[in-house]
Protein backbone atom coordinates (compact mmCIF):
# COMPACT_ATOMS: atom_id res chain seq x y z
CA UNK A 1 0.00 0.00 0.00
CA UNK A 2 2.83 2.37 0.75
CA UNK A 3 4.32 1.78 -2.72
CA UNK A 4 0.98 2.75 -4.21
CA UNK A 5 0.90 6.00 -2.25
CA UNK A 6 4.42 6.81 -3.45
CA UNK A 7 3.54 6.13 -7.05
CA UNK A 8 0.29 8.04 -6.68
CA UNK A 9 2.12 10.95 -5.11
CA UNK A 10 4.64 11.17 -7.90
CA UNK A 11 1.99 10.99 -10.65
CA UNK A 12 -0.43 13.52 -9.12
CA UNK A 13 0.87 17.02 -10.00
CA UNK A 14 -1.40 18.79 -7.49
CA UNK A 15 -0.21 16.51 -4.69
CA UNK A 16 3.41 17.20 -5.66
CA UNK A 17 2.79 20.96 -5.55
CA UNK A 18 1.00 20.63 -2.20
CA UNK A 19 3.90 18.59 -0.81
CA UNK A 20 6.41 21.16 -2.08
CA UNK A 21 4.42 24.01 -0.51
CA UNK A 22 4.18 22.04 2.72
CA UNK A 23 7.95 21.51 2.75
CA UNK A 24 8.56 25.20 1.99
CA UNK A 25 6.21 26.29 4.78
CA UNK A 26 7.92 23.95 7.24
CA UNK A 27 11.35 25.23 6.18
CA UNK A 28 10.19 28.83 6.64
CA UNK A 29 8.78 27.99 10.07
CA UNK A 30 12.04 26.27 11.08
CA UNK A 31 14.03 29.23 9.75
CA UNK A 32 11.87 31.67 11.71
CA UNK A 33 12.39 29.66 14.89
CA UNK A 34 16.16 29.62 14.30
CA UNK A 35 16.15 33.36 13.61
CA UNK A 36 14.10 33.99 16.76
CA UNK A 37 16.56 31.96 18.84
CA UNK A 38 19.53 33.80 17.34
CA UNK A 39 17.87 37.18 17.94
CA UNK A 40 17.00 36.33 21.54
CA UNK A 41 20.65 35.57 22.24
CA UNK A 42 21.90 38.64 20.34
CA UNK A 43 19.63 41.14 22.12
CA UNK A 44 21.20 40.67 25.58
CA UNK A 45 24.69 40.96 24.05
CA UNK A 46 23.72 44.19 22.27
CA UNK A 47 22.12 45.52 25.44
CA UNK A 48 25.26 44.74 27.43
CA UNK A 49 27.39 46.50 24.81
CA UNK A 50 25.19 49.61 24.93
CA UNK A 51 25.19 49.57 28.73
CA UNK A 52 28.99 49.42 28.81
CA UNK A 53 29.25 52.16 26.18
CA UNK A 54 26.88 54.41 28.14
CA UNK A 55 28.73 53.77 31.40
CA UNK A 56 32.14 54.49 29.91
CA UNK A 57 30.88 57.65 28.19
CA UNK A 58 29.29 59.01 31.37
CA UNK A 59 32.37 58.06 33.39
CA UNK A 60 34.66 59.89 30.95
CA UNK A 61 32.50 63.01 30.86
CA UNK A 62 32.15 63.05 34.64
CA UNK A 63 35.87 62.58 35.17
CA UNK A 64 36.64 65.21 32.55
CA UNK A 65 34.44 67.75 34.35
CA UNK A 66 35.10 66.88 38.00
CA UNK A 67 38.89 66.42 37.88
CA UNK A 68 39.76 69.88 36.53
CA UNK A 69 37.15 71.50 38.76
CA UNK A 70 38.50 69.81 41.87
CA UNK A 71 42.09 70.56 40.82
CA UNK A 72 41.30 74.28 40.56
CA UNK A 73 39.19 74.23 43.74
CA UNK A 74 41.97 72.60 45.75
CA UNK A 75 44.56 75.08 44.48
CA UNK A 76 42.62 78.16 45.66
CA UNK A 77 43.45 79.28 49.21
CA UNK A 78 40.61 79.02 51.72
CA UNK A 79 39.04 81.81 53.80
CA UNK A 80 38.99 84.61 51.28
CA UNK A 81 36.25 86.59 49.52
CA UNK A 82 36.51 84.55 46.32
CA UNK A 83 35.95 81.18 48.02
CA UNK A 84 33.24 82.54 50.32
CA UNK A 85 31.40 84.01 47.31
CA UNK A 86 31.52 80.67 45.46
CA UNK A 87 30.27 78.78 48.52
CA UNK A 88 27.45 81.25 49.17
CA UNK A 89 26.44 81.19 45.49
CA UNK A 90 26.38 77.38 45.48
CA UNK A 91 24.19 77.32 48.58
CA UNK A 92 21.82 79.90 47.06
CA UNK A 93 21.53 77.82 43.88
CA UNK A 94 20.79 74.65 45.88
CA UNK A 95 18.13 76.49 47.89
CA UNK A 96 16.54 77.81 44.67
CA UNK A 97 16.38 74.32 43.13
CA UNK A 98 14.84 72.90 46.33
CA UNK A 99 12.30 75.74 46.36
CA UNK A 100 11.40 75.14 42.69
CA UNK A 101 10.96 71.40 43.31
CA UNK A 102 8.71 72.03 46.31
CA UNK A 103 6.63 74.50 44.31
CA UNK A 104 6.05 71.95 41.51
CA UNK A 105 5.15 69.10 43.88
C-alpha atoms as a PDB file:
ATOM      1  CA  UNK A   1       0.000   0.000   0.000  1.00  0.00           C
ATOM      2  CA  UNK A   2       2.832   2.367   0.746  1.00  0.00           C
ATOM      3  CA  UNK A   3       4.322   1.775  -2.721  1.00  0.00           C
ATOM      4  CA  UNK A   4       0.978   2.745  -4.214  1.00  0.00           C
ATOM      5  CA  UNK A   5       0.900   5.997  -2.254  1.00  0.00           C
ATOM      6  CA  UNK A   6       4.415   6.810  -3.448  1.00  0.00           C
ATOM      7  CA  UNK A   7       3.542   6.129  -7.051  1.00  0.00           C
ATOM      8  CA  UNK A   8       0.291   8.045  -6.676  1.00  0.00           C
ATOM      9  CA  UNK A   9       2.123  10.954  -5.112  1.00  0.00           C
ATOM     10  CA  UNK A  10       4.644  11.169  -7.903  1.00  0.00           C
ATOM     11  CA  UNK A  11       1.991  10.989 -10.650  1.00  0.00           C
ATOM     12  CA  UNK A  12      -0.429  13.519  -9.122  1.00  0.00           C
ATOM     13  CA  UNK A  13       0.874  17.016  -9.996  1.00  0.00           C
ATOM     14  CA  UNK A  14      -1.396  18.787  -7.492  1.00  0.00           C
ATOM     15  CA  UNK A  15      -0.207  16.507  -4.688  1.00  0.00           C
ATOM     16  CA  UNK A  16       3.406  17.203  -5.662  1.00  0.00           C
ATOM     17  CA  UNK A  17       2.787  20.962  -5.548  1.00  0.00           C
ATOM     18  CA  UNK A  18       0.999  20.630  -2.203  1.00  0.00           C
ATOM     19  CA  UNK A  19       3.904  18.588  -0.811  1.00  0.00           C
ATOM     20  CA  UNK A  20       6.410  21.162  -2.083  1.00  0.00           C
ATOM     21  CA  UNK A  21       4.420  24.009  -0.511  1.00  0.00           C
ATOM     22  CA  UNK A  22       4.181  22.036   2.716  1.00  0.00           C
ATOM     23  CA  UNK A  23       7.947  21.509   2.746  1.00  0.00           C
ATOM     24  CA  UNK A  24       8.565  25.198   1.988  1.00  0.00           C
ATOM     25  CA  UNK A  25       6.210  26.293   4.777  1.00  0.00           C
ATOM     26  CA  UNK A  26       7.918  23.951   7.242  1.00  0.00           C
ATOM     27  CA  UNK A  27      11.353  25.235   6.183  1.00  0.00           C
ATOM     28  CA  UNK A  28      10.194  28.830   6.638  1.00  0.00           C
ATOM     29  CA  UNK A  29       8.782  27.987  10.072  1.00  0.00           C
ATOM     30  CA  UNK A  30      12.045  26.272  11.081  1.00  0.00           C
ATOM     31  CA  UNK A  31      14.025  29.227   9.752  1.00  0.00           C
ATOM     32  CA  UNK A  32      11.868  31.669  11.707  1.00  0.00           C
ATOM     33  CA  UNK A  33      12.392  29.657  14.888  1.00  0.00           C
ATOM     34  CA  UNK A  34      16.163  29.617  14.295  1.00  0.00           C
ATOM     35  CA  UNK A  35      16.152  33.362  13.615  1.00  0.00           C
ATOM     36  CA  UNK A  36      14.098  33.994  16.765  1.00  0.00           C
ATOM     37  CA  UNK A  37      16.556  31.959  18.843  1.00  0.00           C
ATOM     38  CA  UNK A  38      19.532  33.804  17.345  1.00  0.00           C
ATOM     39  CA  UNK A  39      17.870  37.182  17.944  1.00  0.00           C
ATOM     40  CA  UNK A  40      17.004  36.334  21.537  1.00  0.00           C
ATOM     41  CA  UNK A  41      20.652  35.565  22.243  1.00  0.00           C
ATOM     42  CA  UNK A  42      21.898  38.636  20.336  1.00  0.00           C
ATOM     43  CA  UNK A  43      19.635  41.138  22.116  1.00  0.00           C
ATOM     44  CA  UNK A  44      21.202  40.674  25.580  1.00  0.00           C
ATOM     45  CA  UNK A  45      24.689  40.963  24.052  1.00  0.00           C
ATOM     46  CA  UNK A  46      23.720  44.188  22.266  1.00  0.00           C
ATOM     47  CA  UNK A  47      22.115  45.517  25.440  1.00  0.00           C
ATOM     48  CA  UNK A  48      25.256  44.741  27.426  1.00  0.00           C
ATOM     49  CA  UNK A  49      27.393  46.505  24.806  1.00  0.00           C
ATOM     50  CA  UNK A  50      25.186  49.610  24.926  1.00  0.00           C
ATOM     51  CA  UNK A  51      25.185  49.571  28.730  1.00  0.00           C
ATOM     52  CA  UNK A  52      28.990  49.422  28.809  1.00  0.00           C
ATOM     53  CA  UNK A  53      29.247  52.156  26.180  1.00  0.00           C
ATOM     54  CA  UNK A  54      26.883  54.410  28.136  1.00  0.00           C
ATOM     55  CA  UNK A  55      28.732  53.767  31.405  1.00  0.00           C
ATOM     56  CA  UNK A  56      32.142  54.493  29.909  1.00  0.00           C
ATOM     57  CA  UNK A  57      30.882  57.648  28.187  1.00  0.00           C
ATOM     58  CA  UNK A  58      29.292  59.006  31.371  1.00  0.00           C
ATOM     59  CA  UNK A  59      32.370  58.063  33.393  1.00  0.00           C
ATOM     60  CA  UNK A  60      34.656  59.890  30.946  1.00  0.00           C
ATOM     61  CA  UNK A  61      32.497  63.013  30.862  1.00  0.00           C
ATOM     62  CA  UNK A  62      32.148  63.047  34.641  1.00  0.00           C
ATOM     63  CA  UNK A  63      35.870  62.577  35.174  1.00  0.00           C
ATOM     64  CA  UNK A  64      36.642  65.213  32.547  1.00  0.00           C
ATOM     65  CA  UNK A  65      34.444  67.752  34.354  1.00  0.00           C
ATOM     66  CA  UNK A  66      35.097  66.882  37.996  1.00  0.00           C
ATOM     67  CA  UNK A  67      38.885  66.419  37.883  1.00  0.00           C
ATOM     68  CA  UNK A  68      39.764  69.879  36.527  1.00  0.00           C
ATOM     69  CA  UNK A  69      37.147  71.499  38.760  1.00  0.00           C
ATOM     70  CA  UNK A  70      38.499  69.810  41.872  1.00  0.00           C
ATOM     71  CA  UNK A  71      42.086  70.556  40.820  1.00  0.00           C
ATOM     72  CA  UNK A  72      41.296  74.277  40.555  1.00  0.00           C
ATOM     73  CA  UNK A  73      39.188  74.235  43.737  1.00  0.00           C
ATOM     74  CA  UNK A  74      41.971  72.604  45.753  1.00  0.00           C
ATOM     75  CA  UNK A  75      44.562  75.078  44.475  1.00  0.00           C
ATOM     76  CA  UNK A  76      42.619  78.158  45.661  1.00  0.00           C
ATOM     77  CA  UNK A  77      43.448  79.276  49.215  1.00  0.00           C
ATOM     78  CA  UNK A  78      40.611  79.016  51.724  1.00  0.00           C
ATOM     79  CA  UNK A  79      39.045  81.809  53.803  1.00  0.00           C
ATOM     80  CA  UNK A  80      38.994  84.613  51.280  1.00  0.00           C
ATOM     81  CA  UNK A  81      36.248  86.592  49.523  1.00  0.00           C
ATOM     82  CA  UNK A  82      36.512  84.546  46.317  1.00  0.00           C
ATOM     83  CA  UNK A  83      35.951  81.175  48.016  1.00  0.00           C
ATOM     84  CA  UNK A  84      33.242  82.544  50.320  1.00  0.00           C
ATOM     85  CA  UNK A  85      31.402  84.007  47.305  1.00  0.00           C
ATOM     86  CA  UNK A  86      31.525  80.673  45.464  1.00  0.00           C
ATOM     87  CA  UNK A  87      30.270  78.775  48.518  1.00  0.00           C
ATOM     88  CA  UNK A  88      27.448  81.248  49.167  1.00  0.00           C
ATOM     89  CA  UNK A  89      26.443  81.188  45.490  1.00  0.00           C
ATOM     90  CA  UNK A  90      26.382  77.379  45.480  1.00  0.00           C
ATOM     91  CA  UNK A  91      24.186  77.316  48.578  1.00  0.00           C
ATOM     92  CA  UNK A  92      21.815  79.900  47.060  1.00  0.00           C
ATOM     93  CA  UNK A  93      21.529  77.816  43.881  1.00  0.00           C
ATOM     94  CA  UNK A  94      20.790  74.654  45.882  1.00  0.00           C
ATOM     95  CA  UNK A  95      18.132  76.489  47.887  1.00  0.00           C
ATOM     96  CA  UNK A  96      16.536  77.815  44.669  1.00  0.00           C
ATOM     97  CA  UNK A  97      16.379  74.321  43.132  1.00  0.00           C
ATOM     98  CA  UNK A  98      14.838  72.904  46.325  1.00  0.00           C
ATOM     99  CA  UNK A  99      12.298  75.737  46.359  1.00  0.00           C
ATOM    100  CA  UNK A 100      11.398  75.140  42.694  1.00  0.00           C
ATOM    101  CA  UNK A 101      10.962  71.398  43.310  1.00  0.00           C
ATOM    102  CA  UNK A 102       8.707  72.031  46.315  1.00  0.00           C
ATOM    103  CA  UNK A 103       6.628  74.502  44.309  1.00  0.00           C
ATOM    104  CA  UNK A 104       6.054  71.954  41.513  1.00  0.00           C
ATOM    105  CA  UNK A 105       5.148  69.099  43.878  1.00  0.00           C
END
